Amino acid sequence: MRRVIGVGEHAVPPASAITPAVVDLIAHHQDLQRERCLLFVAATRAREELTISWHGAPSVFLPA
């Protein structure tokens, strides 16, 4: 079983890891893609069962 904990809207992606779009739009998109890939890797390590949890609203990276 794989657990990915704390995937809330204010935690994933962490604001400190994302370049603001007004500073550099290309870097902003690259940062978002990198963080999305990290979540993907964490989730795809599960072989049989995956549990994702969050507090409050879920991350924008999680499907509705």
N, C-alpha and C. Protein backbone atom coordinates (compact mmCIF):
# COMPACT_ATOMS: atom_id res chain seq x y z
N MET A 1 0.84 -1.18 0.00
CA MET A 1 0.00 0.00 0.00
C MET A 1 0.89 1.24 0.00
N ARG A 2 0.52 2.20 -0.80
CA ARG A 2 1.24 3.48 -0.87
C ARG A 2 0.30 4.56 -0.36
N ARG A 3 0.83 5.42 0.51
CA ARG A 3 0.06 6.56 1.02
C ARG A 3 0.77 7.84 0.64
N VAL A 4 0.03 8.75 0.05
CA VAL A 4 0.54 10.08 -0.25
C VAL A 4 -0.30 11.03 0.60
N ILE A 5 0.33 11.62 1.60
CA ILE A 5 -0.39 12.37 2.62
C ILE A 5 -0.15 13.87 2.46
N GLY A 6 -1.19 14.65 2.72
CA GLY A 6 -1.06 16.10 2.74
C GLY A 6 -1.09 16.76 1.38
N VAL A 7 -1.89 16.22 0.47
CA VAL A 7 -1.94 16.75 -0.89
C VAL A 7 -3.06 17.80 -0.98
N GLY A 8 -2.95 18.81 -0.12
CA GLY A 8 -3.93 19.89 -0.09
C GLY A 8 -3.56 21.02 -1.03
N GLU A 9 -4.51 21.91 -1.27
CA GLU A 9 -4.29 22.99 -2.24
C GLU A 9 -3.17 23.94 -1.85
N HIS A 10 -2.87 24.07 -0.56
CA HIS A 10 -1.81 24.98 -0.13
C HIS A 10 -0.48 24.26 0.10
N ALA A 11 -0.48 22.94 -0.05
CA ALA A 11 0.73 22.17 0.20
C ALA A 11 1.35 21.61 -1.08
N VAL A 12 0.53 21.26 -2.04
CA VAL A 12 1.01 20.68 -3.29
C VAL A 12 0.35 21.41 -4.45
N PRO A 13 1.08 22.16 -5.20
CA PRO A 13 2.51 22.40 -5.10
C PRO A 13 2.82 23.44 -4.02
N PRO A 14 3.98 23.32 -3.38
CA PRO A 14 4.34 24.33 -2.38
C PRO A 14 4.67 25.66 -3.07
N ALA A 15 4.18 26.73 -2.50
CA ALA A 15 4.40 28.05 -3.11
C ALA A 15 5.88 28.37 -3.27
N SER A 16 6.70 27.88 -2.36
CA SER A 16 8.14 28.17 -2.43
C SER A 16 8.82 27.49 -3.61
N ALA A 17 8.17 26.50 -4.20
CA ALA A 17 8.77 25.78 -5.33
C ALA A 17 8.33 26.31 -6.68
N ILE A 18 7.42 27.28 -6.67
CA ILE A 18 6.85 27.78 -7.92
C ILE A 18 7.26 29.24 -8.15
N THR A 19 7.88 29.49 -9.27
CA THR A 19 8.22 30.86 -9.66
C THR A 19 6.92 31.58 -10.00
N PRO A 20 6.70 32.77 -9.45
CA PRO A 20 5.47 33.51 -9.79
C PRO A 20 5.39 33.78 -11.30
N ALA A 21 4.20 33.67 -11.84
CA ALA A 21 4.00 33.87 -13.28
C ALA A 21 4.37 35.28 -13.72
N VAL A 22 4.19 36.26 -12.84
CA VAL A 22 4.53 37.64 -13.21
C VAL A 22 6.04 37.85 -13.29
N VAL A 23 6.80 36.98 -12.64
CA VAL A 23 8.26 37.08 -12.68
C VAL A 23 8.81 36.41 -13.93
N ASP A 24 8.35 35.18 -14.19
CA ASP A 24 8.83 34.42 -15.35
C ASP A 24 7.78 33.36 -15.69
N LEU A 25 7.02 33.61 -16.72
CA LEU A 25 5.92 32.72 -17.08
C LEU A 25 6.41 31.33 -17.48
N ILE A 26 7.50 31.26 -18.21
CA ILE A 26 8.02 29.96 -18.64
C ILE A 26 8.49 29.15 -17.44
N ALA A 27 9.25 29.78 -16.55
CA ALA A 27 9.72 29.09 -15.34
C ALA A 27 8.53 28.66 -14.48
N HIS A 28 7.50 29.48 -14.43
CA HIS A 28 6.28 29.14 -13.67
C HIS A 28 5.67 27.84 -14.19
N HIS A 29 5.51 27.74 -15.50
CA HIS A 29 4.93 26.53 -16.09
C HIS A 29 5.85 25.32 -15.90
N GLN A 30 7.14 25.53 -16.01
CA GLN A 30 8.09 24.44 -15.80
C GLN A 30 8.05 23.96 -14.35
N ASP A 31 7.96 24.89 -13.42
CA ASP A 31 7.88 24.53 -12.00
C ASP A 31 6.62 23.73 -11.71
N LEU A 32 5.49 24.16 -12.27
CA LEU A 32 4.24 23.42 -12.07
C LEU A 32 4.35 22.01 -12.65
N GLN A 33 4.94 21.90 -13.82
CA GLN A 33 5.10 20.59 -14.44
C GLN A 33 5.99 19.68 -13.60
N ARG A 34 7.07 20.24 -13.06
CA ARG A 34 7.98 19.46 -12.22
C ARG A 34 7.25 18.94 -10.97
N GLU A 35 6.48 19.80 -10.33
CA GLU A 35 5.74 19.39 -9.13
C GLU A 35 4.66 18.37 -9.47
N ARG A 36 4.01 18.53 -10.60
CA ARG A 36 3.01 17.56 -11.05
C ARG A 36 3.67 16.20 -11.29
N CYS A 37 4.85 16.21 -11.87
CA CYS A 37 5.59 14.97 -12.12
C CYS A 37 5.99 14.28 -10.81
N LEU A 38 6.38 15.06 -9.82
CA LEU A 38 6.73 14.48 -8.52
C LEU A 38 5.54 13.77 -7.88
N LEU A 39 4.37 14.38 -7.97
CA LEU A 39 3.17 13.74 -7.43
C LEU A 39 2.84 12.49 -8.24
N PHE A 40 3.00 12.55 -9.54
CA PHE A 40 2.76 11.40 -10.40
C PHE A 40 3.67 10.23 -10.02
N VAL A 41 4.94 10.52 -9.82
CA VAL A 41 5.89 9.47 -9.44
C VAL A 41 5.50 8.86 -8.10
N ALA A 42 5.15 9.70 -7.13
CA ALA A 42 4.75 9.19 -5.82
C ALA A 42 3.52 8.29 -5.95
N ALA A 43 2.57 8.69 -6.76
CA ALA A 43 1.33 7.92 -6.91
C ALA A 43 1.54 6.63 -7.70
N THR A 44 2.40 6.66 -8.69
CA THR A 44 2.57 5.47 -9.53
C THR A 44 3.49 4.43 -8.91
N ARG A 45 4.05 4.71 -7.76
CA ARG A 45 4.84 3.70 -7.06
C ARG A 45 3.95 2.65 -6.40
N ALA A 46 2.68 2.95 -6.27
CA ALA A 46 1.75 2.00 -5.66
C ALA A 46 1.58 0.80 -6.59
N ARG A 47 1.64 -0.38 -6.02
CA ARG A 47 1.48 -1.59 -6.83
C ARG A 47 0.04 -2.09 -6.80
N GLU A 48 -0.59 -2.04 -5.64
CA GLU A 48 -1.94 -2.58 -5.53
C GLU A 48 -2.95 -1.58 -4.99
N GLU A 49 -2.52 -0.71 -4.11
CA GLU A 49 -3.47 0.20 -3.49
C GLU A 49 -2.81 1.55 -3.25
N LEU A 50 -3.56 2.61 -3.50
CA LEU A 50 -3.07 3.97 -3.31
C LEU A 50 -4.09 4.75 -2.50
N THR A 51 -3.61 5.44 -1.47
CA THR A 51 -4.45 6.33 -0.68
C THR A 51 -3.83 7.71 -0.73
N ILE A 52 -4.62 8.69 -1.13
CA ILE A 52 -4.17 10.08 -1.16
C ILE A 52 -5.06 10.85 -0.20
N SER A 53 -4.43 11.61 0.70
CA SER A 53 -5.22 12.38 1.66
C SER A 53 -4.85 13.85 1.61
N TRP A 54 -5.78 14.68 2.07
CA TRP A 54 -5.55 16.12 2.16
C TRP A 54 -6.45 16.68 3.24
N HIS A 55 -6.15 17.88 3.64
CA HIS A 55 -6.97 18.60 4.62
C HIS A 55 -7.46 19.86 3.94
N GLY A 56 -8.74 20.16 4.05
CA GLY A 56 -9.29 21.31 3.34
C GLY A 56 -9.56 20.93 1.90
N ALA A 57 -9.23 21.82 0.99
CA ALA A 57 -9.44 21.56 -0.43
C ALA A 57 -8.27 20.74 -0.98
N PRO A 58 -8.54 19.85 -1.94
CA PRO A 58 -7.46 19.06 -2.52
C PRO A 58 -6.58 19.91 -3.44
N SER A 59 -5.42 19.41 -3.73
CA SER A 59 -4.49 20.07 -4.65
C SER A 59 -5.13 20.25 -6.02
N VAL A 60 -4.71 21.27 -6.72
CA VAL A 60 -5.19 21.48 -8.09
C VAL A 60 -4.72 20.36 -9.01
N PHE A 61 -3.75 19.58 -8.57
CA PHE A 61 -3.25 18.47 -9.38
C PHE A 61 -4.13 17.23 -9.29
N LEU A 62 -5.06 17.20 -8.36
CA LEU A 62 -5.93 16.03 -8.22
C LEU A 62 -7.20 16.25 -9.03
N PRO A 63 -7.67 15.21 -9.70
CA PRO A 63 -8.91 15.36 -10.48
C PRO A 63 -10.10 15.61 -9.56
N ALA A 64 -11.06 16.30 -10.08
CA ALA A 64 -12.26 16.63 -9.29
C ALA A 64 -13.13 15.42 -9.07
